[in-house]
N, C-alpha and C. Protein backbone atom coordinates (compact mmCIF):
# COMPACT_ATOMS: atom_id res chain seq x y z
N MET A 1 4.18 18.52 0.70
CA MET A 1 3.39 17.87 1.77
C MET A 1 4.29 17.10 2.83
N GLN A 2 3.60 16.91 3.90
CA GLN A 2 4.24 16.02 4.94
C GLN A 2 3.67 14.64 4.71
N ILE A 3 4.43 13.63 4.45
CA ILE A 3 3.93 12.32 4.18
C ILE A 3 4.67 11.44 5.22
N THR A 4 3.81 10.55 5.90
CA THR A 4 4.33 9.57 6.76
C THR A 4 4.08 8.20 6.13
N VAL A 5 5.14 7.44 6.18
CA VAL A 5 5.14 6.16 5.50
C VAL A 5 5.34 5.04 6.62
N PHE A 6 4.33 4.26 6.67
CA PHE A 6 4.50 3.04 7.64
C PHE A 6 5.02 1.87 6.76
N GLY A 7 6.00 1.18 7.31
CA GLY A 7 6.68 0.14 6.49
C GLY A 7 7.70 0.75 5.56
N ALA A 8 8.27 1.88 5.98
CA ALA A 8 9.22 2.60 5.19
C ALA A 8 10.51 1.78 4.95
N SER A 9 10.83 0.74 5.70
CA SER A 9 11.99 0.07 5.50
C SER A 9 11.90 -1.14 4.60
N GLY A 10 10.59 -1.48 4.16
CA GLY A 10 10.30 -2.58 3.27
C GLY A 10 10.78 -2.15 1.82
N ASP A 11 10.53 -3.16 0.89
CA ASP A 11 10.78 -2.86 -0.55
C ASP A 11 9.92 -1.89 -1.15
N ALA A 12 8.61 -1.94 -0.96
CA ALA A 12 7.69 -1.10 -1.59
C ALA A 12 7.76 0.31 -0.73
N GLY A 13 7.73 0.30 0.55
CA GLY A 13 7.82 1.52 1.25
C GLY A 13 8.99 2.41 1.12
N SER A 14 10.10 1.72 0.96
CA SER A 14 11.41 2.55 0.77
C SER A 14 11.37 3.25 -0.65
N ARG A 15 10.69 2.63 -1.52
CA ARG A 15 10.56 3.22 -2.96
C ARG A 15 9.52 4.38 -2.88
N VAL A 16 8.62 4.30 -2.17
CA VAL A 16 7.62 5.51 -1.86
C VAL A 16 8.40 6.60 -1.26
N VAL A 17 9.28 6.30 -0.23
CA VAL A 17 9.99 7.37 0.37
C VAL A 17 10.83 8.01 -0.69
N ALA A 18 11.58 7.25 -1.47
CA ALA A 18 12.53 7.79 -2.42
C ALA A 18 11.77 8.67 -3.45
N GLU A 19 10.57 8.20 -4.01
CA GLU A 19 9.73 8.97 -4.88
C GLU A 19 9.23 10.19 -4.31
N ALA A 20 8.83 10.08 -3.00
CA ALA A 20 8.27 11.39 -2.34
C ALA A 20 9.50 12.45 -2.23
N LEU A 21 10.51 12.07 -1.85
CA LEU A 21 11.64 12.90 -1.64
C LEU A 21 12.00 13.61 -2.93
N SER A 22 12.09 12.71 -4.10
CA SER A 22 12.38 13.36 -5.44
C SER A 22 11.43 14.33 -5.79
N ARG A 23 10.26 14.44 -5.30
CA ARG A 23 9.23 15.34 -5.69
C ARG A 23 9.20 16.45 -4.76
N GLY A 24 10.06 16.56 -3.64
CA GLY A 24 10.25 17.72 -2.76
C GLY A 24 9.24 17.62 -1.50
N HIS A 25 8.72 16.42 -1.29
CA HIS A 25 7.87 16.31 -0.13
C HIS A 25 8.72 16.07 1.05
N ARG A 26 8.13 16.40 2.24
CA ARG A 26 8.85 15.95 3.54
C ARG A 26 8.33 14.67 3.97
N VAL A 27 9.17 13.78 4.42
CA VAL A 27 8.90 12.28 4.71
C VAL A 27 9.25 12.01 6.14
N ARG A 28 8.23 11.30 6.83
CA ARG A 28 8.48 10.75 8.09
C ARG A 28 8.39 9.21 7.86
N ALA A 29 9.50 8.40 8.12
CA ALA A 29 9.49 7.03 7.86
C ALA A 29 9.32 6.34 9.25
N VAL A 30 8.37 5.35 9.18
CA VAL A 30 7.91 4.67 10.43
C VAL A 30 8.15 3.10 10.16
N ALA A 31 8.87 2.52 11.21
CA ALA A 31 9.07 1.05 11.20
C ALA A 31 9.15 0.63 12.61
N ARG A 32 9.09 -0.71 12.88
CA ARG A 32 9.14 -1.17 14.21
C ARG A 32 10.49 -1.15 14.84
N HIS A 33 11.57 -1.23 13.88
CA HIS A 33 12.89 -1.28 14.47
C HIS A 33 13.77 -0.27 13.83
N GLU A 34 14.48 0.47 14.61
CA GLU A 34 15.26 1.58 14.05
C GLU A 34 16.31 1.30 13.16
N ASP A 35 16.94 0.05 13.47
CA ASP A 35 18.01 -0.39 12.58
C ASP A 35 17.68 -0.56 10.98
N ARG A 36 16.39 -0.81 10.84
CA ARG A 36 15.89 -1.03 9.55
C ARG A 36 15.73 0.29 8.76
N LEU A 37 15.91 1.46 9.37
CA LEU A 37 15.74 2.65 8.76
C LEU A 37 17.03 3.41 8.47
N ARG A 38 17.99 2.83 8.91
CA ARG A 38 19.42 3.57 8.86
C ARG A 38 19.86 3.81 7.38
N HIS A 39 19.29 3.08 6.56
CA HIS A 39 19.81 3.24 5.11
C HIS A 39 19.04 4.37 4.42
N LEU A 40 18.04 4.96 4.99
CA LEU A 40 17.29 6.02 4.38
C LEU A 40 18.08 7.33 4.41
N PRO A 41 17.89 8.18 3.37
CA PRO A 41 18.55 9.45 3.43
C PRO A 41 18.44 10.23 4.73
N ASP A 42 19.40 11.18 4.87
CA ASP A 42 19.50 11.91 6.12
C ASP A 42 18.25 12.80 6.33
N GLN A 43 17.72 13.33 5.22
CA GLN A 43 16.63 14.28 5.38
C GLN A 43 15.19 13.62 5.80
N VAL A 44 15.24 12.35 5.88
CA VAL A 44 14.04 11.65 6.26
C VAL A 44 13.95 11.61 7.81
N GLU A 45 12.82 12.01 8.26
CA GLU A 45 12.54 11.90 9.73
C GLU A 45 12.17 10.45 10.14
N VAL A 46 12.92 9.96 11.08
CA VAL A 46 12.73 8.52 11.48
C VAL A 46 11.96 8.41 12.70
N TRP A 47 10.95 7.55 12.62
CA TRP A 47 10.13 7.25 13.83
C TRP A 47 10.12 5.66 14.03
N ILE A 48 9.91 5.42 15.32
CA ILE A 48 9.77 3.89 15.65
C ILE A 48 8.35 3.81 16.07
N GLY A 49 7.57 2.94 15.41
CA GLY A 49 6.24 2.75 15.64
C GLY A 49 5.68 1.50 15.17
N ASP A 50 4.47 1.01 15.52
CA ASP A 50 3.85 -0.07 15.08
C ASP A 50 2.53 0.16 14.49
N ALA A 51 2.36 -0.07 13.09
CA ALA A 51 1.17 0.23 12.44
C ALA A 51 0.00 -0.51 12.95
N ALA A 52 0.15 -1.50 13.78
CA ALA A 52 -0.96 -2.35 14.32
C ALA A 52 -1.34 -1.78 15.54
N ASP A 53 -0.81 -0.59 16.10
CA ASP A 53 -1.16 0.07 17.35
C ASP A 53 -1.79 1.41 17.02
N PRO A 54 -3.08 1.63 17.19
CA PRO A 54 -3.68 2.79 16.80
C PRO A 54 -3.09 4.05 17.50
N ARG A 55 -2.57 3.87 18.72
CA ARG A 55 -1.93 5.05 19.43
C ARG A 55 -0.66 5.40 18.69
N ASP A 56 0.17 4.45 18.18
CA ASP A 56 1.45 4.63 17.42
C ASP A 56 1.11 5.34 16.10
N VAL A 57 0.02 4.99 15.49
CA VAL A 57 -0.50 5.57 14.30
C VAL A 57 -0.70 7.04 14.39
N GLU A 58 -1.55 7.32 15.45
CA GLU A 58 -1.88 8.64 15.82
C GLU A 58 -0.76 9.60 16.09
N LYS A 59 0.12 9.09 16.79
CA LYS A 59 1.37 9.88 17.12
C LYS A 59 2.24 10.12 15.98
N ALA A 60 2.53 9.03 15.27
CA ALA A 60 3.48 9.11 14.04
C ALA A 60 2.83 10.03 12.95
N ALA A 61 1.49 9.88 12.90
CA ALA A 61 0.83 10.70 11.73
C ALA A 61 0.63 12.15 12.09
N ALA A 62 0.83 12.51 13.25
CA ALA A 62 0.41 13.97 13.75
C ALA A 62 1.10 14.96 12.81
N GLY A 63 0.39 15.85 12.22
CA GLY A 63 0.96 16.93 11.42
C GLY A 63 1.12 16.54 10.05
N SER A 64 0.73 15.35 9.64
CA SER A 64 0.85 14.84 8.26
C SER A 64 -0.40 15.31 7.44
N ASP A 65 -0.04 15.35 6.19
CA ASP A 65 -1.13 15.45 5.21
C ASP A 65 -1.64 14.19 4.68
N VAL A 66 -0.69 13.24 4.54
CA VAL A 66 -1.08 11.80 4.02
C VAL A 66 -0.18 10.89 4.83
N VAL A 67 -0.88 9.81 5.10
CA VAL A 67 -0.24 8.51 5.57
C VAL A 67 -0.23 7.43 4.45
N VAL A 68 0.86 6.82 4.29
CA VAL A 68 1.02 5.65 3.41
C VAL A 68 1.08 4.45 4.20
N GLY A 69 0.37 3.49 3.99
CA GLY A 69 0.52 2.08 4.52
C GLY A 69 1.14 1.17 3.60
N ALA A 70 2.45 0.78 3.87
CA ALA A 70 3.14 -0.14 2.99
C ALA A 70 3.72 -1.24 3.75
N THR A 71 3.06 -1.66 4.82
CA THR A 71 3.61 -2.77 5.60
C THR A 71 3.17 -4.17 4.98
N ARG A 72 3.94 -5.28 5.15
CA ARG A 72 3.72 -6.51 4.78
C ARG A 72 4.15 -7.46 5.82
N PRO A 73 3.19 -8.36 6.37
CA PRO A 73 3.41 -9.25 7.46
C PRO A 73 4.41 -10.36 7.02
N ARG A 74 5.22 -10.87 7.91
CA ARG A 74 5.99 -12.06 7.61
C ARG A 74 5.19 -13.29 7.58
N PRO A 75 5.72 -14.26 6.87
CA PRO A 75 5.07 -15.60 6.77
C PRO A 75 4.60 -16.01 8.21
N GLY A 76 3.40 -16.49 8.25
CA GLY A 76 2.88 -17.02 9.55
C GLY A 76 2.21 -15.91 10.35
N SER A 77 2.30 -14.65 9.94
CA SER A 77 1.54 -13.52 10.60
C SER A 77 0.58 -12.75 9.59
N GLU A 78 0.11 -13.45 8.74
CA GLU A 78 -0.79 -12.90 7.62
C GLU A 78 -1.98 -12.30 8.23
N HIS A 79 -2.37 -12.65 9.49
CA HIS A 79 -3.53 -12.04 10.18
C HIS A 79 -3.24 -10.63 10.42
N GLU A 80 -2.03 -10.20 10.35
CA GLU A 80 -1.79 -8.75 10.68
C GLU A 80 -2.29 -7.87 9.53
N HIS A 81 -2.49 -8.29 8.36
CA HIS A 81 -3.02 -7.43 7.31
C HIS A 81 -4.38 -6.70 7.72
N PRO A 82 -5.39 -7.40 8.04
CA PRO A 82 -6.53 -6.77 8.32
C PRO A 82 -6.43 -5.96 9.78
N GLU A 83 -5.58 -6.54 10.69
CA GLU A 83 -5.44 -5.88 11.92
C GLU A 83 -4.73 -4.42 11.83
N VAL A 84 -3.83 -4.43 10.99
CA VAL A 84 -3.13 -3.13 10.59
C VAL A 84 -4.11 -2.18 10.00
N ALA A 85 -4.92 -2.72 9.02
CA ALA A 85 -5.98 -1.84 8.38
C ALA A 85 -6.76 -1.16 9.34
N ALA A 86 -7.29 -1.96 10.33
CA ALA A 86 -8.23 -1.38 11.40
C ALA A 86 -7.49 -0.47 12.32
N ALA A 87 -6.24 -0.62 12.62
CA ALA A 87 -5.52 0.16 13.43
C ALA A 87 -5.18 1.49 12.74
N LEU A 88 -4.92 1.47 11.40
CA LEU A 88 -4.71 2.71 10.66
C LEU A 88 -5.98 3.59 10.64
N LEU A 89 -7.10 2.93 10.40
CA LEU A 89 -8.34 3.55 10.41
C LEU A 89 -8.70 4.20 11.79
N GLN A 90 -8.40 3.49 12.92
CA GLN A 90 -8.77 3.89 14.28
C GLN A 90 -7.80 5.11 14.51
N GLY A 91 -6.49 4.93 14.26
CA GLY A 91 -5.49 5.97 14.63
C GLY A 91 -5.65 7.25 13.89
N LEU A 92 -6.32 7.20 12.65
CA LEU A 92 -6.46 8.41 11.82
C LEU A 92 -7.93 8.89 11.78
N ALA A 93 -8.84 8.30 12.59
CA ALA A 93 -10.24 8.60 12.63
C ALA A 93 -10.39 10.11 12.93
N ASP A 94 -11.11 10.77 12.18
CA ASP A 94 -11.46 12.19 12.30
C ASP A 94 -10.37 13.10 12.28
N SER A 95 -9.17 12.74 11.75
CA SER A 95 -7.99 13.60 11.77
C SER A 95 -7.89 14.52 10.62
N GLY A 96 -8.61 14.13 9.53
CA GLY A 96 -8.41 14.90 8.26
C GLY A 96 -7.22 14.38 7.35
N ILE A 97 -6.48 13.41 7.89
CA ILE A 97 -5.30 13.02 7.24
C ILE A 97 -5.69 11.92 6.15
N ARG A 98 -5.27 12.00 4.99
CA ARG A 98 -5.55 10.98 3.99
C ARG A 98 -4.79 9.71 4.24
N LEU A 99 -5.18 8.57 3.80
CA LEU A 99 -4.54 7.23 3.96
C LEU A 99 -4.55 6.67 2.63
N VAL A 100 -3.37 6.33 2.16
CA VAL A 100 -3.07 5.59 0.87
C VAL A 100 -2.35 4.22 1.27
N VAL A 101 -3.06 3.18 0.89
CA VAL A 101 -2.47 1.85 1.18
C VAL A 101 -2.12 1.01 0.06
N ILE A 102 -0.89 0.49 0.09
CA ILE A 102 -0.51 -0.46 -1.02
C ILE A 102 -0.90 -1.83 -0.35
N GLY A 103 -1.84 -2.49 -1.16
CA GLY A 103 -2.34 -3.70 -0.71
C GLY A 103 -2.03 -4.89 -1.58
N GLY A 104 -2.96 -5.84 -1.78
CA GLY A 104 -2.57 -6.95 -2.58
C GLY A 104 -3.37 -7.07 -3.84
N ALA A 105 -2.95 -8.11 -4.63
CA ALA A 105 -3.71 -8.25 -6.01
C ALA A 105 -4.71 -9.39 -5.86
N GLY A 106 -4.75 -10.13 -4.78
CA GLY A 106 -5.57 -11.28 -4.79
C GLY A 106 -7.12 -11.10 -4.75
N SER A 107 -7.51 -9.75 -4.41
CA SER A 107 -8.94 -9.50 -4.47
C SER A 107 -9.39 -8.91 -5.77
N LEU A 108 -8.51 -8.79 -6.83
CA LEU A 108 -8.81 -8.36 -8.22
C LEU A 108 -9.56 -9.52 -8.94
N THR A 109 -10.43 -9.21 -9.79
CA THR A 109 -11.09 -10.15 -10.55
C THR A 109 -10.30 -10.46 -11.80
N VAL A 110 -10.34 -11.70 -12.37
CA VAL A 110 -9.78 -12.09 -13.58
C VAL A 110 -10.78 -12.01 -14.75
N ALA A 111 -10.38 -11.32 -15.84
CA ALA A 111 -11.25 -11.08 -17.04
C ALA A 111 -11.73 -12.46 -17.48
N GLY A 112 -13.04 -12.61 -17.79
CA GLY A 112 -13.56 -13.76 -18.40
C GLY A 112 -13.91 -14.88 -17.44
N THR A 113 -13.52 -14.76 -16.14
CA THR A 113 -13.87 -15.87 -15.24
C THR A 113 -14.90 -15.36 -14.15
N GLY A 114 -14.99 -14.15 -13.91
CA GLY A 114 -15.94 -13.63 -12.85
C GLY A 114 -15.44 -13.98 -11.49
N LYS A 115 -14.21 -14.49 -11.30
CA LYS A 115 -13.67 -14.86 -10.07
C LYS A 115 -12.40 -14.18 -9.75
N LEU A 116 -12.10 -14.10 -8.41
CA LEU A 116 -11.00 -13.33 -7.87
C LEU A 116 -9.64 -14.12 -8.27
N VAL A 117 -8.54 -13.36 -8.21
CA VAL A 117 -7.25 -13.95 -8.45
C VAL A 117 -6.96 -15.10 -7.56
N THR A 118 -7.38 -15.05 -6.34
CA THR A 118 -7.19 -16.10 -5.32
C THR A 118 -8.07 -17.33 -5.61
N GLU A 119 -9.04 -17.18 -6.46
CA GLU A 119 -9.97 -18.26 -6.81
C GLU A 119 -9.54 -19.05 -8.07
N GLN A 120 -8.55 -18.56 -8.63
CA GLN A 120 -8.13 -19.33 -9.88
C GLN A 120 -7.51 -20.67 -9.52
N PRO A 121 -7.75 -21.71 -10.34
CA PRO A 121 -7.34 -23.10 -10.01
C PRO A 121 -5.84 -23.12 -9.94
N ASP A 122 -5.10 -22.20 -10.63
CA ASP A 122 -3.63 -22.24 -10.74
C ASP A 122 -2.93 -21.39 -9.81
N PHE A 123 -3.76 -20.86 -8.84
CA PHE A 123 -3.17 -19.93 -7.97
C PHE A 123 -2.20 -20.65 -6.91
N PRO A 124 -0.95 -20.24 -6.77
CA PRO A 124 0.01 -20.90 -5.95
C PRO A 124 -0.36 -21.09 -4.51
N ALA A 125 -0.50 -22.36 -4.03
CA ALA A 125 -0.98 -22.57 -2.61
C ALA A 125 -0.17 -21.93 -1.50
N GLU A 126 1.17 -21.75 -1.80
CA GLU A 126 2.01 -21.17 -0.77
C GLU A 126 1.86 -19.64 -0.73
N LEU A 127 1.21 -19.05 -1.67
CA LEU A 127 0.85 -17.59 -1.67
C LEU A 127 -0.51 -17.30 -1.09
N LEU A 128 -1.29 -18.33 -0.94
CA LEU A 128 -2.68 -18.19 -0.46
C LEU A 128 -2.84 -17.42 0.81
N PRO A 129 -2.13 -17.82 1.83
CA PRO A 129 -2.25 -17.07 3.18
C PRO A 129 -2.03 -15.59 2.97
N ILE A 130 -0.89 -14.99 2.39
CA ILE A 130 -0.71 -13.65 2.23
C ILE A 130 -1.80 -12.99 1.49
N ALA A 131 -2.17 -13.80 0.36
CA ALA A 131 -3.14 -13.10 -0.55
C ALA A 131 -4.48 -12.97 0.08
N GLU A 132 -4.94 -13.96 0.92
CA GLU A 132 -6.17 -13.95 1.50
C GLU A 132 -6.17 -12.87 2.66
N GLY A 133 -5.04 -12.69 3.21
CA GLY A 133 -4.93 -11.68 4.19
C GLY A 133 -5.05 -10.27 3.60
N GLY A 134 -4.52 -10.11 2.43
CA GLY A 134 -4.81 -8.91 1.66
C GLY A 134 -6.32 -8.65 1.42
N ASN A 135 -6.99 -9.79 1.07
CA ASN A 135 -8.32 -9.71 0.60
C ASN A 135 -9.15 -9.19 1.96
N ARG A 136 -8.84 -9.65 3.03
CA ARG A 136 -9.49 -9.36 4.32
C ARG A 136 -9.13 -7.88 4.61
N GLN A 137 -7.91 -7.49 4.32
CA GLN A 137 -7.49 -6.15 4.55
C GLN A 137 -8.33 -5.21 3.75
N LEU A 138 -8.59 -5.49 2.56
CA LEU A 138 -9.42 -4.61 1.69
C LEU A 138 -10.85 -4.50 2.20
N GLU A 139 -11.36 -5.55 2.72
CA GLU A 139 -12.84 -5.66 3.23
C GLU A 139 -12.90 -4.78 4.50
N VAL A 140 -11.83 -4.59 5.31
CA VAL A 140 -11.80 -3.73 6.41
C VAL A 140 -12.00 -2.33 5.95
N PHE A 141 -11.41 -1.87 4.92
CA PHE A 141 -11.56 -0.55 4.43
C PHE A 141 -12.92 -0.33 3.82
N ARG A 142 -13.38 -1.38 3.02
CA ARG A 142 -14.76 -1.18 2.41
C ARG A 142 -15.83 -1.20 3.32
N SER A 143 -15.55 -1.68 4.50
CA SER A 143 -16.75 -1.65 5.57
C SER A 143 -16.58 -0.58 6.54
N ALA A 144 -15.61 0.10 6.34
CA ALA A 144 -15.42 1.29 7.24
C ALA A 144 -16.29 2.41 7.02
N GLY A 145 -16.52 3.24 8.01
CA GLY A 145 -17.34 4.39 7.85
C GLY A 145 -16.54 5.49 7.11
N HIS A 146 -17.05 6.73 7.30
CA HIS A 146 -16.48 7.86 6.52
C HIS A 146 -15.50 8.79 7.39
N THR A 147 -15.00 8.19 8.43
CA THR A 147 -14.09 9.06 9.27
C THR A 147 -12.72 9.12 8.72
N VAL A 148 -12.39 8.40 7.70
CA VAL A 148 -10.93 8.43 7.06
C VAL A 148 -11.11 8.46 5.55
N ASP A 149 -10.42 9.33 4.91
CA ASP A 149 -10.45 9.40 3.50
C ASP A 149 -9.25 8.50 2.95
N TRP A 150 -9.74 7.21 2.66
CA TRP A 150 -8.70 6.27 2.33
C TRP A 150 -8.67 5.92 0.75
N THR A 151 -7.61 5.30 0.32
CA THR A 151 -7.43 4.80 -1.04
C THR A 151 -6.52 3.50 -0.95
N TYR A 152 -7.08 2.49 -1.53
CA TYR A 152 -6.40 1.18 -1.52
C TYR A 152 -5.77 0.99 -2.89
N ILE A 153 -4.56 0.65 -3.05
CA ILE A 153 -3.96 0.39 -4.34
C ILE A 153 -3.48 -1.10 -4.44
N SER A 154 -4.08 -1.75 -5.47
CA SER A 154 -3.71 -3.16 -5.63
C SER A 154 -2.63 -3.22 -6.85
N PRO A 155 -1.57 -3.84 -6.69
CA PRO A 155 -0.57 -4.04 -7.62
C PRO A 155 -1.05 -5.07 -8.66
N ALA A 156 -0.31 -5.25 -9.74
CA ALA A 156 -0.47 -6.44 -10.66
C ALA A 156 -0.04 -7.61 -9.94
N ALA A 157 -0.20 -8.69 -10.55
CA ALA A 157 0.12 -10.02 -9.94
C ALA A 157 1.56 -10.19 -9.53
N LEU A 158 2.57 -9.83 -10.47
CA LEU A 158 3.85 -9.82 -10.12
C LEU A 158 4.35 -8.45 -9.76
N PHE A 159 4.68 -8.43 -8.48
CA PHE A 159 4.99 -7.03 -7.87
C PHE A 159 6.34 -7.08 -7.22
N GLU A 160 7.46 -6.71 -7.97
CA GLU A 160 8.85 -6.81 -7.48
C GLU A 160 9.65 -5.58 -7.80
N PRO A 161 10.79 -5.41 -7.14
CA PRO A 161 11.62 -4.32 -7.44
C PRO A 161 12.07 -4.40 -8.97
N GLY A 162 12.31 -3.35 -9.56
CA GLY A 162 12.51 -3.32 -11.00
C GLY A 162 13.00 -2.03 -11.53
N GLU A 163 12.43 -1.57 -12.70
CA GLU A 163 12.78 -0.20 -13.24
C GLU A 163 11.70 0.78 -13.03
N ARG A 164 12.05 1.97 -12.99
CA ARG A 164 11.21 3.12 -12.93
C ARG A 164 10.95 3.56 -14.35
N THR A 165 9.89 3.12 -14.93
CA THR A 165 9.62 3.57 -16.33
C THR A 165 8.63 4.76 -16.51
N GLY A 166 7.67 4.91 -15.55
CA GLY A 166 6.69 5.86 -15.62
C GLY A 166 5.63 5.61 -16.63
N VAL A 167 5.67 4.40 -17.22
CA VAL A 167 4.73 4.00 -18.17
C VAL A 167 3.89 2.73 -17.66
N PHE A 168 2.57 2.99 -17.26
CA PHE A 168 1.79 1.89 -16.80
C PHE A 168 0.41 2.30 -16.98
N ARG A 169 -0.53 1.36 -16.61
CA ARG A 169 -2.00 1.63 -16.84
C ARG A 169 -2.64 1.64 -15.43
N ILE A 170 -3.85 2.31 -15.33
CA ILE A 170 -4.59 2.26 -14.05
C ILE A 170 -5.90 1.54 -14.43
N GLY A 171 -6.35 0.65 -13.49
CA GLY A 171 -7.63 0.04 -13.61
C GLY A 171 -8.36 0.23 -12.35
N ARG A 172 -9.44 -0.53 -12.13
CA ARG A 172 -10.37 -0.44 -10.97
C ARG A 172 -10.34 -1.76 -10.18
N ASP A 173 -11.00 -2.69 -10.62
CA ASP A 173 -11.14 -4.01 -9.79
C ASP A 173 -10.75 -5.24 -10.68
N GLU A 174 -10.25 -4.99 -11.86
CA GLU A 174 -9.91 -6.19 -12.72
C GLU A 174 -8.37 -6.24 -12.81
N LEU A 175 -7.78 -7.46 -12.73
CA LEU A 175 -6.47 -7.61 -12.99
C LEU A 175 -5.99 -7.10 -14.28
N LEU A 176 -4.92 -6.31 -14.36
CA LEU A 176 -4.36 -5.71 -15.57
C LEU A 176 -3.38 -6.73 -16.17
N VAL A 177 -3.53 -7.13 -17.46
CA VAL A 177 -2.51 -7.97 -18.03
C VAL A 177 -2.09 -7.38 -19.37
N ASP A 178 -0.89 -7.71 -19.89
CA ASP A 178 -0.48 -7.15 -21.14
C ASP A 178 -0.84 -8.06 -22.32
N GLU A 179 -0.32 -7.79 -23.48
CA GLU A 179 -0.73 -8.54 -24.70
C GLU A 179 -0.35 -9.91 -24.63
N ASN A 180 0.66 -10.19 -23.68
CA ASN A 180 1.01 -11.70 -23.56
C ASN A 180 0.30 -12.36 -22.49
N GLY A 181 -0.54 -11.69 -21.82
CA GLY A 181 -1.21 -12.26 -20.72
C GLY A 181 -0.58 -12.19 -19.35
N ASP A 182 0.55 -11.45 -19.41
CA ASP A 182 1.35 -11.33 -18.06
C ASP A 182 0.77 -10.11 -17.44
N SER A 183 0.81 -10.24 -16.04
CA SER A 183 0.38 -9.14 -15.04
C SER A 183 1.61 -8.75 -14.22
N ALA A 184 2.02 -7.48 -14.39
CA ALA A 184 3.23 -7.06 -13.55
C ALA A 184 3.26 -5.61 -13.49
N ILE A 185 3.97 -5.19 -12.31
CA ILE A 185 4.25 -3.70 -12.10
C ILE A 185 5.55 -3.73 -11.27
N SER A 186 6.48 -2.83 -11.54
CA SER A 186 7.57 -2.68 -10.58
C SER A 186 7.29 -1.85 -9.40
N MET A 187 7.99 -1.99 -8.33
CA MET A 187 7.72 -1.33 -7.22
C MET A 187 8.04 0.17 -7.35
N GLU A 188 9.02 0.44 -8.27
CA GLU A 188 9.36 1.84 -8.57
C GLU A 188 8.13 2.49 -9.34
N ASP A 189 7.51 1.82 -10.21
CA ASP A 189 6.42 2.45 -10.89
C ASP A 189 5.21 2.54 -9.99
N MET A 190 4.98 1.51 -9.02
CA MET A 190 4.01 1.61 -8.17
C MET A 190 4.12 2.82 -7.27
N ALA A 191 5.43 3.25 -6.88
CA ALA A 191 5.73 4.39 -6.10
C ALA A 191 5.24 5.62 -6.86
N ILE A 192 5.42 5.64 -8.16
CA ILE A 192 4.95 6.80 -9.02
C ILE A 192 3.43 6.97 -8.79
N ALA A 193 2.72 5.72 -8.99
CA ALA A 193 1.31 5.82 -8.93
C ALA A 193 0.81 6.21 -7.52
N VAL A 194 1.54 5.87 -6.51
CA VAL A 194 1.15 6.32 -5.12
C VAL A 194 1.24 7.91 -5.06
N LEU A 195 2.42 8.37 -5.40
CA LEU A 195 2.50 9.78 -5.33
C LEU A 195 1.67 10.56 -6.25
N ASP A 196 1.47 10.04 -7.44
CA ASP A 196 0.40 10.79 -8.26
C ASP A 196 -0.91 10.79 -7.64
N GLU A 197 -1.43 9.82 -6.91
CA GLU A 197 -2.63 9.82 -6.15
C GLU A 197 -2.59 10.71 -5.13
N ILE A 198 -1.41 10.76 -4.46
CA ILE A 198 -1.34 11.64 -3.28
C ILE A 198 -1.49 13.17 -3.77
N GLU A 199 -0.77 13.40 -4.86
CA GLU A 199 -0.73 14.84 -5.32
C GLU A 199 -2.05 15.25 -6.12
N GLN A 200 -2.56 14.33 -6.71
CA GLN A 200 -3.92 14.56 -7.48
C GLN A 200 -4.88 13.58 -7.22
N PRO A 201 -5.49 13.63 -6.04
CA PRO A 201 -6.43 12.36 -5.72
C PRO A 201 -7.60 12.22 -6.73
N ARG A 202 -7.72 10.98 -7.15
CA ARG A 202 -8.72 10.63 -8.12
C ARG A 202 -9.54 9.39 -7.59
N HIS A 203 -8.98 8.68 -6.58
CA HIS A 203 -9.64 7.56 -6.00
C HIS A 203 -9.84 7.64 -4.59
N ARG A 204 -11.03 8.11 -4.21
CA ARG A 204 -11.22 8.39 -2.80
C ARG A 204 -12.30 7.35 -2.23
N ARG A 205 -11.85 6.74 -1.03
CA ARG A 205 -12.56 5.73 -0.46
C ARG A 205 -12.92 4.49 -1.42
N THR A 206 -12.02 4.18 -2.24
CA THR A 206 -12.14 3.11 -3.18
C THR A 206 -10.73 2.48 -3.55
N ARG A 207 -10.82 1.42 -4.28
CA ARG A 207 -9.65 0.72 -4.75
C ARG A 207 -9.30 0.99 -6.29
N PHE A 208 -8.02 1.01 -6.50
CA PHE A 208 -7.69 1.02 -8.00
C PHE A 208 -6.49 0.04 -8.15
N THR A 209 -6.19 -0.27 -9.26
CA THR A 209 -5.00 -1.20 -9.46
C THR A 209 -4.02 -0.52 -10.54
N VAL A 210 -2.82 -1.08 -10.54
CA VAL A 210 -1.78 -0.57 -11.38
C VAL A 210 -1.00 -1.71 -12.05
N GLY A 211 -0.76 -1.60 -13.39
CA GLY A 211 -0.15 -2.64 -14.10
C GLY A 211 0.39 -2.22 -15.53
N TYR A 212 1.18 -2.89 -16.06
CA TYR A 212 1.64 -2.59 -17.41
C TYR A 212 0.71 -3.06 -18.48
């Protein structure tokens, strides 16, 4: 397949690029600045574009089977999360191109509480802006019409670079925790989940989550 990755220079996006290439897919990597894409393998097609601009989305996605959104705003620009979601939907409207977005964990519910991750009393205050931005991002997709076949993937609470194990669980709207109460997923294993969903779609116009 032809897969276009917005945010391909970031931690999560670059791992999606690597996983897609390992499976024999063609990859177009998109970022705002060309110098951030220079570390990618030579076979990757490099594009300069802004995921917050519907025109850039439409141009970069042309000819693709799937677009992956893996952008993450800088501190102070958390408002970009829902703005990028709206731009992706607008740029891909009626194109027939699937959209798979790596989002946030803040909108997941915590077992036994009936409340969101961001509503927990011990949620770190410094992470609240980006987490709430992710919550608004998901609402953009949930309120969208049916012109784009989207999928939103929430990671576990701890989402960092790590090992590619290939062993993880899939959930829907509840935060996944292990037997010790920890919630985590490596970016490498998230990339596996993204490509699995691309190759064998099981969650269309809905959200699912990944965790150990």
